[in-house]
Amino acid sequence: MAITADPVLSRVGTDTVYVELALRWLSTKVEITATRVEHLPVSLQCVREEIGREIVDVEDAVNAACDLEWIAADCLDETGDRGWKDIGFGEAVEHALDMAHALAAE
């Protein structure tokens, strides 16, 4: 079980079962984590399970996020919880990297 405080960039799934993508900067690399989250309505618990983690160079971050999105889709398909998608994982990481570059340029 993994609990992350990293900002969530995107989610895919249903209201009660979904996979969220988080990104964390590690000096010159980024760590991208996909976590399956299941809300249990009867017990009011939230179960979190890390299903993928990549530590990559910034140039490879979008591709790594796309790989994690496929893992998330497979995980959610096992239980029929594919549901909705906020934004594609690759697109979400690309947007986060663009924002970071824009802030660094200021």
PDB file of N, CA and C in Angstrom:
ATOM      1  N   MET A   1       0.853  -1.168   0.000  1.00  0.00           N
ATOM      2  CA  MET A   1       0.000   0.000   0.000  1.00  0.00           C
ATOM      3  C   MET A   1       0.903   1.236   0.000  1.00  0.00           C
ATOM      4  N   ALA A   2       0.626   2.149  -0.908  1.00  0.00           N
ATOM      5  CA  ALA A   2       1.433   3.367  -1.000  1.00  0.00           C
ATOM      6  C   ALA A   2       0.543   4.587  -0.810  1.00  0.00           C
ATOM      7  N   ILE A   3       1.018   5.522  -0.048  1.00  0.00           N
ATOM      8  CA  ILE A   3       0.303   6.789   0.133  1.00  0.00           C
ATOM      9  C   ILE A   3       1.221   7.889  -0.363  1.00  0.00           C
ATOM     10  N   THR A   4       0.719   8.710  -1.262  1.00  0.00           N
ATOM     11  CA  THR A   4       1.544   9.748  -1.854  1.00  0.00           C
ATOM     12  C   THR A   4       0.964  11.118  -1.559  1.00  0.00           C
ATOM     13  N   ALA A   5       1.835  12.067  -1.313  1.00  0.00           N
ATOM     14  CA  ALA A   5       1.398  13.444  -1.114  1.00  0.00           C
ATOM     15  C   ALA A   5       1.713  14.280  -2.352  1.00  0.00           C
ATOM     16  N   ASP A   6       2.206  13.634  -3.395  1.00  0.00           N
ATOM     17  CA  ASP A   6       2.538  14.336  -4.627  1.00  0.00           C
ATOM     18  C   ASP A   6       1.251  14.792  -5.303  1.00  0.00           C
ATOM     19  N   PRO A   7       1.317  15.936  -6.001  1.00  0.00           N
ATOM     20  CA  PRO A   7       0.113  16.432  -6.668  1.00  0.00           C
ATOM     21  C   PRO A   7      -0.366  15.456  -7.746  1.00  0.00           C
ATOM     22  N   VAL A   8      -1.665  15.255  -7.796  1.00  0.00           N
ATOM     23  CA  VAL A   8      -2.263  14.373  -8.793  1.00  0.00           C
ATOM     24  C   VAL A   8      -2.464  15.164 -10.082  1.00  0.00           C
ATOM     25  N   LEU A   9      -1.955  14.623 -11.179  1.00  0.00           N
ATOM     26  CA  LEU A   9      -2.062  15.297 -12.476  1.00  0.00           C
ATOM     27  C   LEU A   9      -3.282  14.846 -13.261  1.00  0.00           C
ATOM     28  N   SER A  10      -3.665  13.574 -13.099  1.00  0.00           N
ATOM     29  CA  SER A  10      -4.769  13.040 -13.882  1.00  0.00           C
ATOM     30  C   SER A  10      -5.348  11.818 -13.189  1.00  0.00           C
ATOM     31  N   ARG A  11      -6.599  11.502 -13.547  1.00  0.00           N
ATOM     32  CA  ARG A  11      -7.275  10.306 -13.031  1.00  0.00           C
ATOM     33  C   ARG A  11      -8.025   9.634 -14.173  1.00  0.00           C
ATOM     34  N   VAL A  12      -8.129   8.318 -14.077  1.00  0.00           N
ATOM     35  CA  VAL A  12      -8.948   7.545 -15.007  1.00  0.00           C
ATOM     36  C   VAL A  12      -9.650   6.467 -14.195  1.00  0.00           C
ATOM     37  N   GLY A  13     -10.932   6.242 -14.485  1.00  0.00           N
ATOM     38  CA  GLY A  13     -11.672   5.206 -13.769  1.00  0.00           C
ATOM     39  C   GLY A  13     -13.113   5.588 -13.543  1.00  0.00           C
ATOM     40  N   THR A  14     -13.650   5.144 -12.407  1.00  0.00           N
ATOM     41  CA  THR A  14     -15.027   5.463 -12.032  1.00  0.00           C
ATOM     42  C   THR A  14     -14.999   6.325 -10.772  1.00  0.00           C
ATOM     43  N   ASP A  15     -16.159   6.635 -10.246  1.00  0.00           N
ATOM     44  CA  ASP A  15     -16.213   7.453  -9.037  1.00  0.00           C
ATOM     45  C   ASP A  15     -15.637   6.744  -7.822  1.00  0.00           C
ATOM     46  N   THR A  16     -15.724   5.416  -7.789  1.00  0.00           N
ATOM     47  CA  THR A  16     -15.264   4.682  -6.610  1.00  0.00           C
ATOM     48  C   THR A  16     -13.944   3.944  -6.815  1.00  0.00           C
ATOM     49  N   VAL A  17     -13.574   3.661  -8.060  1.00  0.00           N
ATOM     50  CA  VAL A  17     -12.315   2.980  -8.359  1.00  0.00           C
ATOM     51  C   VAL A  17     -11.638   3.715  -9.505  1.00  0.00           C
ATOM     52  N   TYR A  18     -10.427   4.189  -9.268  1.00  0.00           N
ATOM     53  CA  TYR A  18      -9.720   4.915 -10.317  1.00  0.00           C
ATOM     54  C   TYR A  18      -8.212   4.801 -10.098  1.00  0.00           C
ATOM     55  N   VAL A  19      -7.474   5.203 -11.114  1.00  0.00           N
ATOM     56  CA  VAL A  19      -6.021   5.276 -11.028  1.00  0.00           C
ATOM     57  C   VAL A  19      -5.640   6.737 -11.193  1.00  0.00           C
ATOM     58  N   GLU A  20      -4.798   7.215 -10.292  1.00  0.00           N
ATOM     59  CA  GLU A  20      -4.340   8.603 -10.379  1.00  0.00           C
ATOM     60  C   GLU A  20      -2.847   8.633 -10.688  1.00  0.00           C
ATOM     61  N   LEU A  21      -2.442   9.675 -11.391  1.00  0.00           N
ATOM     62  CA  LEU A  21      -1.050   9.847 -11.798  1.00  0.00           C
ATOM     63  C   LEU A  21      -0.460  11.039 -11.059  1.00  0.00           C
ATOM     64  N   ALA A  22       0.702  10.822 -10.460  1.00  0.00           N
ATOM     65  CA  ALA A  22       1.398  11.900  -9.751  1.00  0.00           C
ATOM     66  C   ALA A  22       2.814  12.022 -10.288  1.00  0.00           C
ATOM     67  N   LEU A  23       3.356  13.225 -10.215  1.00  0.00           N
ATOM     68  CA  LEU A  23       4.713  13.501 -10.698  1.00  0.00           C
ATOM     69  C   LEU A  23       5.492  14.208  -9.595  1.00  0.00           C
ATOM     70  N   ARG A  24       6.741  13.791  -9.434  1.00  0.00           N
ATOM     71  CA  ARG A  24       7.604  14.426  -8.445  1.00  0.00           C
ATOM     72  C   ARG A  24       8.977  14.642  -9.077  1.00  0.00           C
ATOM     73  N   TRP A  25       9.533  15.828  -8.854  1.00  0.00           N
ATOM     74  CA  TRP A  25      10.850  16.164  -9.393  1.00  0.00           C
ATOM     75  C   TRP A  25      11.941  15.571  -8.509  1.00  0.00           C
ATOM     76  N   LEU A  26      12.923  14.950  -9.129  1.00  0.00           N
ATOM     77  CA  LEU A  26      14.094  14.415  -8.440  1.00  0.00           C
ATOM     78  C   LEU A  26      15.333  14.982  -9.116  1.00  0.00           C
ATOM     79  N   SER A  27      15.664  16.186  -8.788  1.00  0.00           N
ATOM     80  CA  SER A  27      16.814  16.874  -9.384  1.00  0.00           C
ATOM     81  C   SER A  27      16.643  16.939 -10.898  1.00  0.00           C
ATOM     82  N   THR A  28      17.412  16.163 -11.657  1.00  0.00           N
ATOM     83  CA  THR A  28      17.337  16.223 -13.117  1.00  0.00           C
ATOM     84  C   THR A  28      16.396  15.172 -13.693  1.00  0.00           C
ATOM     85  N   LYS A  29      15.787  14.378 -12.841  1.00  0.00           N
ATOM     86  CA  LYS A  29      14.851  13.334 -13.283  1.00  0.00           C
ATOM     87  C   LYS A  29      13.477  13.603 -12.688  1.00  0.00           C
ATOM     88  N   VAL A  30      12.502  12.853 -13.169  1.00  0.00           N
ATOM     89  CA  VAL A  30      11.165  12.923 -12.594  1.00  0.00           C
ATOM     90  C   VAL A  30      10.715  11.519 -12.213  1.00  0.00           C
ATOM     91  N   GLU A  31       9.939  11.456 -11.153  1.00  0.00           N
ATOM     92  CA  GLU A  31       9.325  10.205 -10.712  1.00  0.00           C
ATOM     93  C   GLU A  31       7.838  10.308 -11.002  1.00  0.00           C
ATOM     94  N   ILE A  32       7.329   9.350 -11.756  1.00  0.00           N
ATOM     95  CA  ILE A  32       5.920   9.333 -12.134  1.00  0.00           C
ATOM     96  C   ILE A  32       5.304   8.078 -11.518  1.00  0.00           C
ATOM     97  N   THR A  33       4.221   8.268 -10.782  1.00  0.00           N
ATOM     98  CA  THR A  33       3.612   7.162 -10.052  1.00  0.00           C
ATOM     99  C   THR A  33       2.138   7.027 -10.414  1.00  0.00           C
ATOM    100  N   ALA A  34       1.717   5.786 -10.673  1.00  0.00           N
ATOM    101  CA  ALA A  34       0.313   5.479 -10.892  1.00  0.00           C
ATOM    102  C   ALA A  34      -0.187   4.693  -9.683  1.00  0.00           C
ATOM    103  N   THR A  35      -1.263   5.185  -9.079  1.00  0.00           N
ATOM    104  CA  THR A  35      -1.814   4.569  -7.874  1.00  0.00           C
ATOM    105  C   THR A  35      -3.289   4.254  -8.084  1.00  0.00           C
ATOM    106  N   ARG A  36      -3.659   2.986  -7.823  1.00  0.00           N
ATOM    107  CA  ARG A  36      -5.064   2.583  -7.890  1.00  0.00           C
ATOM    108  C   ARG A  36      -5.712   2.953  -6.563  1.00  0.00           C
ATOM    109  N   VAL A  37      -6.858   3.613  -6.646  1.00  0.00           N
ATOM    110  CA  VAL A  37      -7.584   4.057  -5.456  1.00  0.00           C
ATOM    111  C   VAL A  37      -8.981   3.442  -5.498  1.00  0.00           C
ATOM    112  N   GLU A  38      -9.378   2.839  -4.391  1.00  0.00           N
ATOM    113  CA  GLU A  38     -10.724   2.272  -4.288  1.00  0.00           C
ATOM    114  C   GLU A  38     -11.377   2.796  -3.018  1.00  0.00           C
ATOM    115  N   HIS A  39     -12.530   3.430  -3.187  1.00  0.00           N
ATOM    116  CA  HIS A  39     -13.306   3.925  -2.053  1.00  0.00           C
ATOM    117  C   HIS A  39     -14.326   2.853  -1.678  1.00  0.00           C
ATOM    118  N   LEU A  40     -14.289   2.436  -0.422  1.00  0.00           N
ATOM    119  CA  LEU A  40     -15.203   1.410   0.066  1.00  0.00           C
ATOM    120  C   LEU A  40     -16.340   2.102   0.820  1.00  0.00           C
ATOM    121  N   PRO A  41     -17.518   2.208   0.198  1.00  0.00           N
ATOM    122  CA  PRO A  41     -18.593   3.016   0.769  1.00  0.00           C
ATOM    123  C   PRO A  41     -19.130   2.507   2.110  1.00  0.00           C
ATOM    124  N   VAL A  42     -19.153   1.209   2.324  1.00  0.00           N
ATOM    125  CA  VAL A  42     -19.720   0.683   3.564  1.00  0.00           C
ATOM    126  C   VAL A  42     -18.829   1.030   4.755  1.00  0.00           C
ATOM    127  N   SER A  43     -17.524   0.836   4.602  1.00  0.00           N
ATOM    128  CA  SER A  43     -16.600   1.094   5.714  1.00  0.00           C
ATOM    129  C   SER A  43     -16.015   2.505   5.683  1.00  0.00           C
ATOM    130  N   LEU A  44     -16.303   3.254   4.609  1.00  0.00           N
ATOM    131  CA  LEU A  44     -15.767   4.608   4.424  1.00  0.00           C
ATOM    132  C   LEU A  44     -14.239   4.621   4.377  1.00  0.00           C
ATOM    133  N   GLN A  45     -13.648   3.525   3.953  1.00  0.00           N
ATOM    134  CA  GLN A  45     -12.198   3.442   3.816  1.00  0.00           C
ATOM    135  C   GLN A  45     -11.795   3.759   2.382  1.00  0.00           C
ATOM    136  N   CYS A  46     -10.539   4.139   2.248  1.00  0.00           N
ATOM    137  CA  CYS A  46      -9.942   4.389   0.943  1.00  0.00           C
ATOM    138  C   CYS A  46      -8.695   3.510   0.843  1.00  0.00           C
ATOM    139  N   VAL A  47      -8.692   2.582  -0.092  1.00  0.00           N
ATOM    140  CA  VAL A  47      -7.567   1.666  -0.272  1.00  0.00           C
ATOM    141  C   VAL A  47      -6.744   2.154  -1.452  1.00  0.00           C
ATOM    142  N   ARG A  48      -5.442   2.319  -1.228  1.00  0.00           N
ATOM    143  CA  ARG A  48      -4.534   2.801  -2.270  1.00  0.00           C
ATOM    144  C   ARG A  48      -3.476   1.737  -2.530  1.00  0.00           C
ATOM    145  N   GLU A  49      -3.208   1.485  -3.819  1.00  0.00           N
ATOM    146  CA  GLU A  49      -2.198   0.506  -4.201  1.00  0.00           C
ATOM    147  C   GLU A  49      -1.397   1.058  -5.386  1.00  0.00           C
ATOM    148  N   GLU A  50      -0.102   1.152  -5.213  1.00  0.00           N
ATOM    149  CA  GLU A  50       0.744   1.609  -6.313  1.00  0.00           C
ATOM    150  C   GLU A  50       0.793   0.511  -7.364  1.00  0.00           C
ATOM    151  N   ILE A  51       0.504   0.884  -8.619  1.00  0.00           N
ATOM    152  CA  ILE A  51       0.539  -0.109  -9.694  1.00  0.00           C
ATOM    153  C   ILE A  51       1.683   0.138 -10.671  1.00  0.00           C
ATOM    154  N   GLY A  52       2.348   1.277 -10.560  1.00  0.00           N
ATOM    155  CA  GLY A  52       3.476   1.546 -11.438  1.00  0.00           C
ATOM    156  C   GLY A  52       4.238   2.773 -11.002  1.00  0.00           C
ATOM    157  N   ARG A  53       5.550   2.709 -11.215  1.00  0.00           N
ATOM    158  CA  ARG A  53       6.416   3.843 -10.867  1.00  0.00           C
ATOM    159  C   ARG A  53       7.568   3.865 -11.869  1.00  0.00           C
ATOM    160  N   GLU A  54       7.836   5.037 -12.391  1.00  0.00           N
ATOM    161  CA  GLU A  54       8.945   5.224 -13.329  1.00  0.00           C
ATOM    162  C   GLU A  54       9.782   6.410 -12.858  1.00  0.00           C
ATOM    163  N   ILE A  55      11.091   6.239 -12.858  1.00  0.00           N
ATOM    164  CA  ILE A  55      12.023   7.345 -12.620  1.00  0.00           C
ATOM    165  C   ILE A  55      12.800   7.508 -13.918  1.00  0.00           C
ATOM    166  N   VAL A  56      12.590   8.640 -14.578  1.00  0.00           N
ATOM    167  CA  VAL A  56      13.118   8.827 -15.926  1.00  0.00           C
ATOM    168  C   VAL A  56      13.684  10.235 -16.095  1.00  0.00           C
ATOM    169  N   ASP A  57      14.469  10.398 -17.148  1.00  0.00           N
ATOM    170  CA  ASP A  57      14.907  11.733 -17.550  1.00  0.00           C
ATOM    171  C   ASP A  57      13.678  12.517 -18.018  1.00  0.00           C
ATOM    172  N   VAL A  58      13.751  13.817 -17.920  1.00  0.00           N
ATOM    173  CA  VAL A  58      12.617  14.674 -18.297  1.00  0.00           C
ATOM    174  C   VAL A  58      12.180  14.395 -19.731  1.00  0.00           C
ATOM    175  N   GLU A  59      13.143  14.147 -20.625  1.00  0.00           N
ATOM    176  CA  GLU A  59      12.818  13.907 -22.038  1.00  0.00           C
ATOM    177  C   GLU A  59      11.966  12.651 -22.235  1.00  0.00           C
ATOM    178  N   ASP A  60      12.054  11.702 -21.309  1.00  0.00           N
ATOM    179  CA  ASP A  60      11.321  10.441 -21.431  1.00  0.00           C
ATOM    180  C   ASP A  60      10.047  10.403 -20.595  1.00  0.00           C
ATOM    181  N   ALA A  61       9.718  11.490 -19.926  1.00  0.00           N
ATOM    182  CA  ALA A  61       8.602  11.500 -18.982  1.00  0.00           C
ATOM    183  C   ALA A  61       7.254  11.274 -19.653  1.00  0.00           C
ATOM    184  N   VAL A  62       7.026  11.881 -20.798  1.00  0.00           N
ATOM    185  CA  VAL A  62       5.724  11.731 -21.471  1.00  0.00           C
ATOM    186  C   VAL A  62       5.517  10.280 -21.895  1.00  0.00           C
ATOM    187  N   ASN A  63       6.550   9.658 -22.457  1.00  0.00           N
ATOM    188  CA  ASN A  63       6.434   8.258 -22.873  1.00  0.00           C
ATOM    189  C   ASN A  63       6.211   7.342 -21.673  1.00  0.00           C
ATOM    190  N   ALA A  64       6.899   7.611 -20.572  1.00  0.00           N
ATOM    191  CA  ALA A  64       6.710   6.807 -19.361  1.00  0.00           C
ATOM    192  C   ALA A  64       5.287   6.950 -18.839  1.00  0.00           C
ATOM    193  N   ALA A  65       4.738   8.153 -18.893  1.00  0.00           N
ATOM    194  CA  ALA A  65       3.361   8.381 -18.452  1.00  0.00           C
ATOM    195  C   ALA A  65       2.372   7.619 -19.338  1.00  0.00           C
ATOM    196  N   CYS A  66       2.630   7.587 -20.629  1.00  0.00           N
ATOM    197  CA  CYS A  66       1.766   6.829 -21.547  1.00  0.00           C
ATOM    198  C   CYS A  66       1.817   5.339 -21.211  1.00  0.00           C
ATOM    199  N   ASP A  67       2.999   4.836 -20.894  1.00  0.00           N
ATOM    200  CA  ASP A  67       3.126   3.432 -20.486  1.00  0.00           C
ATOM    201  C   ASP A  67       2.317   3.163 -19.225  1.00  0.00           C
ATOM    202  N   LEU A  68       2.372   4.069 -18.268  1.00  0.00           N
ATOM    203  CA  LEU A  68       1.603   3.909 -17.030  1.00  0.00           C
ATOM    204  C   LEU A  68       0.100   3.984 -17.291  1.00  0.00           C
ATOM    205  N   GLU A  69      -0.305   4.762 -18.284  1.00  0.00           N
ATOM    206  CA  GLU A  69      -1.729   4.831 -18.616  1.00  0.00           C
ATOM    207  C   GLU A  69      -2.230   3.482 -19.142  1.00  0.00           C
ATOM    208  N   TRP A  70      -1.399   2.789 -19.925  1.00  0.00           N
ATOM    209  CA  TRP A  70      -1.768   1.447 -20.413  1.00  0.00           C
ATOM    210  C   TRP A  70      -1.876   0.468 -19.249  1.00  0.00           C
ATOM    211  N   ILE A  71      -0.952   0.565 -18.297  1.00  0.00           N
ATOM    212  CA  ILE A  71      -1.006  -0.291 -17.111  1.00  0.00           C
ATOM    213  C   ILE A  71      -2.285   0.001 -16.324  1.00  0.00           C
ATOM    214  N   ALA A  72      -2.618   1.281 -16.194  1.00  0.00           N
ATOM    215  CA  ALA A  72      -3.843   1.679 -15.494  1.00  0.00           C
ATOM    216  C   ALA A  72      -5.076   1.117 -16.194  1.00  0.00           C
ATOM    217  N   ALA A  73      -5.113   1.206 -17.512  1.00  0.00           N
ATOM    218  CA  ALA A  73      -6.260   0.697 -18.275  1.00  0.00           C
ATOM    219  C   ALA A  73      -6.413  -0.803 -18.064  1.00  0.00           C
ATOM    220  N   ASP A  74      -5.297  -1.536 -18.117  1.00  0.00           N
ATOM    221  CA  ASP A  74      -5.355  -2.985 -17.892  1.00  0.00           C
ATOM    222  C   ASP A  74      -5.866  -3.293 -16.485  1.00  0.00           C
ATOM    223  N   CYS A  75      -5.378  -2.558 -15.502  1.00  0.00           N
ATOM    224  CA  CYS A  75      -5.787  -2.747 -14.110  1.00  0.00           C
ATOM    225  C   CYS A  75      -7.286  -2.487 -13.939  1.00  0.00           C
ATOM    226  N   LEU A  76      -7.772  -1.418 -14.533  1.00  0.00           N
ATOM    227  CA  LEU A  76      -9.184  -1.066 -14.406  1.00  0.00           C
ATOM    228  C   LEU A  76     -10.079  -1.997 -15.216  1.00  0.00           C
ATOM    229  N   ASP A  77      -9.572  -2.497 -16.344  1.00  0.00           N
ATOM    230  CA  ASP A  77     -10.355  -3.431 -17.165  1.00  0.00           C
ATOM    231  C   ASP A  77     -10.611  -4.743 -16.423  1.00  0.00           C
ATOM    232  N   GLU A  78      -9.690  -5.131 -15.547  1.00  0.00           N
ATOM    233  CA  GLU A  78      -9.853  -6.376 -14.789  1.00  0.00           C
ATOM    234  C   GLU A  78     -11.118  -6.351 -13.936  1.00  0.00           C
ATOM    235  N   THR A  79     -11.507  -5.174 -13.476  1.00  0.00           N
ATOM    236  CA  THR A  79     -12.687  -5.049 -12.611  1.00  0.00           C
ATOM    237  C   THR A  79     -13.840  -4.300 -13.287  1.00  0.00           C
ATOM    238  N   GLY A  80     -13.665  -3.953 -14.557  1.00  0.00           N
ATOM    239  CA  GLY A  80     -14.718  -3.231 -15.285  1.00  0.00           C
ATOM    240  C   GLY A  80     -14.886  -1.795 -14.842  1.00  0.00           C
ATOM    241  N   ASP A  81     -13.798  -1.172 -14.391  1.00  0.00           N
ATOM    242  CA  ASP A  81     -13.871   0.195 -13.858  1.00  0.00           C
ATOM    243  C   ASP A  81     -13.167   1.229 -14.728  1.00  0.00           C
ATOM    244  N   ARG A  82     -13.058   1.002 -16.050  1.00  0.00           N
ATOM    245  CA  ARG A  82     -12.334   1.957 -16.892  1.00  0.00           C
ATOM    246  C   ARG A  82     -12.978   3.333 -16.825  1.00  0.00           C
ATOM    247  N   GLY A  83     -14.284   3.430 -17.001  1.00  0.00           N
ATOM    248  CA  GLY A  83     -15.023   4.682 -16.787  1.00  0.00           C
ATOM    249  C   GLY A  83     -14.521   5.881 -17.560  1.00  0.00           C
ATOM    250  N   TRP A  84     -14.306   6.990 -16.874  1.00  0.00           N
ATOM    251  CA  TRP A  84     -13.960   8.285 -17.449  1.00  0.00           C
ATOM    252  C   TRP A  84     -12.461   8.556 -17.354  1.00  0.00           C
ATOM    253  N   LYS A  85     -12.049   9.628 -18.010  1.00  0.00           N
ATOM    254  CA  LYS A  85     -10.650  10.054 -17.962  1.00  0.00           C
ATOM    255  C   LYS A  85     -10.609  11.572 -17.903  1.00  0.00           C
ATOM    256  N   ASP A  86      -9.866  12.115 -16.908  1.00  0.00           N
ATOM    257  CA  ASP A  86      -9.686  13.574 -16.819  1.00  0.00           C
ATOM    258  C   ASP A  86      -8.978  14.080 -18.064  1.00  0.00           C
ATOM    259  N   ILE A  87      -7.773  13.602 -18.246  1.00  0.00           N
ATOM    260  CA  ILE A  87      -6.884  13.986 -19.324  1.00  0.00           C
ATOM    261  C   ILE A  87      -5.891  12.834 -19.457  1.00  0.00           C
ATOM    262  N   GLY A  88      -5.426  12.568 -20.648  1.00  0.00           N
ATOM    263  CA  GLY A  88      -4.465  11.486 -20.828  1.00  0.00           C
ATOM    264  C   GLY A  88      -3.224  11.689 -19.971  1.00  0.00           C
ATOM    265  N   PHE A  89      -2.650  10.593 -19.477  1.00  0.00           N
ATOM    266  CA  PHE A  89      -1.478  10.692 -18.602  1.00  0.00           C
ATOM    267  C   PHE A  89      -0.316  11.392 -19.303  1.00  0.00           C
ATOM    268  N   GLY A  90      -0.078  11.065 -20.567  1.00  0.00           N
ATOM    269  CA  GLY A  90       1.007  11.707 -21.307  1.00  0.00           C
ATOM    270  C   GLY A  90       0.781  13.196 -21.469  1.00  0.00           C
ATOM    271  N   GLU A  91      -0.448  13.557 -21.797  1.00  0.00           N
ATOM    272  CA  GLU A  91      -0.796  14.974 -21.959  1.00  0.00           C
ATOM    273  C   GLU A  91      -0.681  15.726 -20.634  1.00  0.00           C
ATOM    274  N   ALA A  92      -1.066  15.079 -19.544  1.00  0.00           N
ATOM    275  CA  ALA A  92      -0.974  15.708 -18.221  1.00  0.00           C
ATOM    276  C   ALA A  92       0.476  15.980 -17.834  1.00  0.00           C
ATOM    277  N   VAL A  93       1.358  15.026 -18.105  1.00  0.00           N
ATOM    278  CA  VAL A  93       2.782  15.207 -17.798  1.00  0.00           C
ATOM    279  C   VAL A  93       3.379  16.276 -18.699  1.00  0.00           C
ATOM    280  N   GLU A  94       3.007  16.259 -19.977  1.00  0.00           N
ATOM    281  CA  GLU A  94       3.504  17.280 -20.897  1.00  0.00           C
ATOM    282  C   GLU A  94       3.105  18.678 -20.421  1.00  0.00           C
ATOM    283  N   HIS A  95       1.870  18.822 -19.965  1.00  0.00           N
ATOM    284  CA  HIS A  95       1.394  20.107 -19.454  1.00  0.00           C
ATOM    285  C   HIS A  95       2.185  20.514 -18.198  1.00  0.00           C
ATOM    286  N   ALA A  96       2.422  19.572 -17.294  1.00  0.00           N
ATOM    287  CA  ALA A  96       3.183  19.863 -16.068  1.00  0.00           C
ATOM    288  C   ALA A  96       4.611  20.276 -16.398  1.00  0.00           C
ATOM    289  N   LEU A  97       5.228  19.620 -17.366  1.00  0.00           N
ATOM    290  CA  LEU A  97       6.590  19.964 -17.756  1.00  0.00           C
ATOM    291  C   LEU A  97       6.634  21.343 -18.410  1.00  0.00           C
ATOM    292  N   ASP A  98       5.630  21.637 -19.255  1.00  0.00           N
ATOM    293  CA  ASP A  98       5.555  22.962 -19.880  1.00  0.00           C
ATOM    294  C   ASP A  98       5.426  24.064 -18.831  1.00  0.00           C
ATOM    295  N   MET A  99       4.590  23.806 -17.810  1.00  0.00           N
ATOM    296  CA  MET A  99       4.414  24.790 -16.733  1.00  0.00           C
ATOM    297  C   MET A  99       5.733  24.982 -15.964  1.00  0.00           C
ATOM    298  N   ALA A 100       6.429  23.895 -15.694  1.00  0.00           N
ATOM    299  CA  ALA A 100       7.695  23.987 -14.968  1.00  0.00           C
ATOM    300  C   ALA A 100       8.733  24.767 -15.764  1.00  0.00           C
ATOM    301  N   HIS A 101       8.782  24.522 -17.059  1.00  0.00           N
ATOM    302  CA  HIS A 101       9.728  25.260 -17.922  1.00  0.00           C
ATOM    303  C   HIS A 101       9.376  26.737 -17.980  1.00  0.00           C
ATOM    304  N   ALA A 102       8.077  27.041 -18.046  1.00  0.00           N
ATOM    305  CA  ALA A 102       7.641  28.444 -18.080  1.00  0.00           C
ATOM    306  C   ALA A 102       8.002  29.156 -16.768  1.00  0.00           C
ATOM    307  N   LEU A 103       7.818  28.476 -15.648  1.00  0.00           N
ATOM    308  CA  LEU A 103       8.171  29.080 -14.351  1.00  0.00           C
ATOM    309  C   LEU A 103       9.681  29.272 -14.236  1.00  0.00           C
ATOM    310  N   ALA A 104      10.444  28.330 -14.759  1.00  0.00           N
ATOM    311  CA  ALA A 104      11.897  28.434 -14.686  1.00  0.00           C
ATOM    312  C   ALA A 104      12.414  29.570 -15.560  1.00  0.00           C
ATOM    313  N   ALA A 105      11.696  29.869 -16.652  1.00  0.00           N
ATOM    314  CA  ALA A 105      12.115  30.925 -17.559  1.00  0.00           C
ATOM    315  C   ALA A 105      11.861  32.326 -17.004  1.00  0.00           C
ATOM    316  N   GLU A 106      10.993  32.428 -15.995  1.00  0.00           N
ATOM    317  CA  GLU A 106      10.653  33.750 -15.434  1.00  0.00           C
ATOM    318  C   GLU A 106      11.773  34.290 -14.575  1.00  0.00           C
TER     319      GLU A 106
END
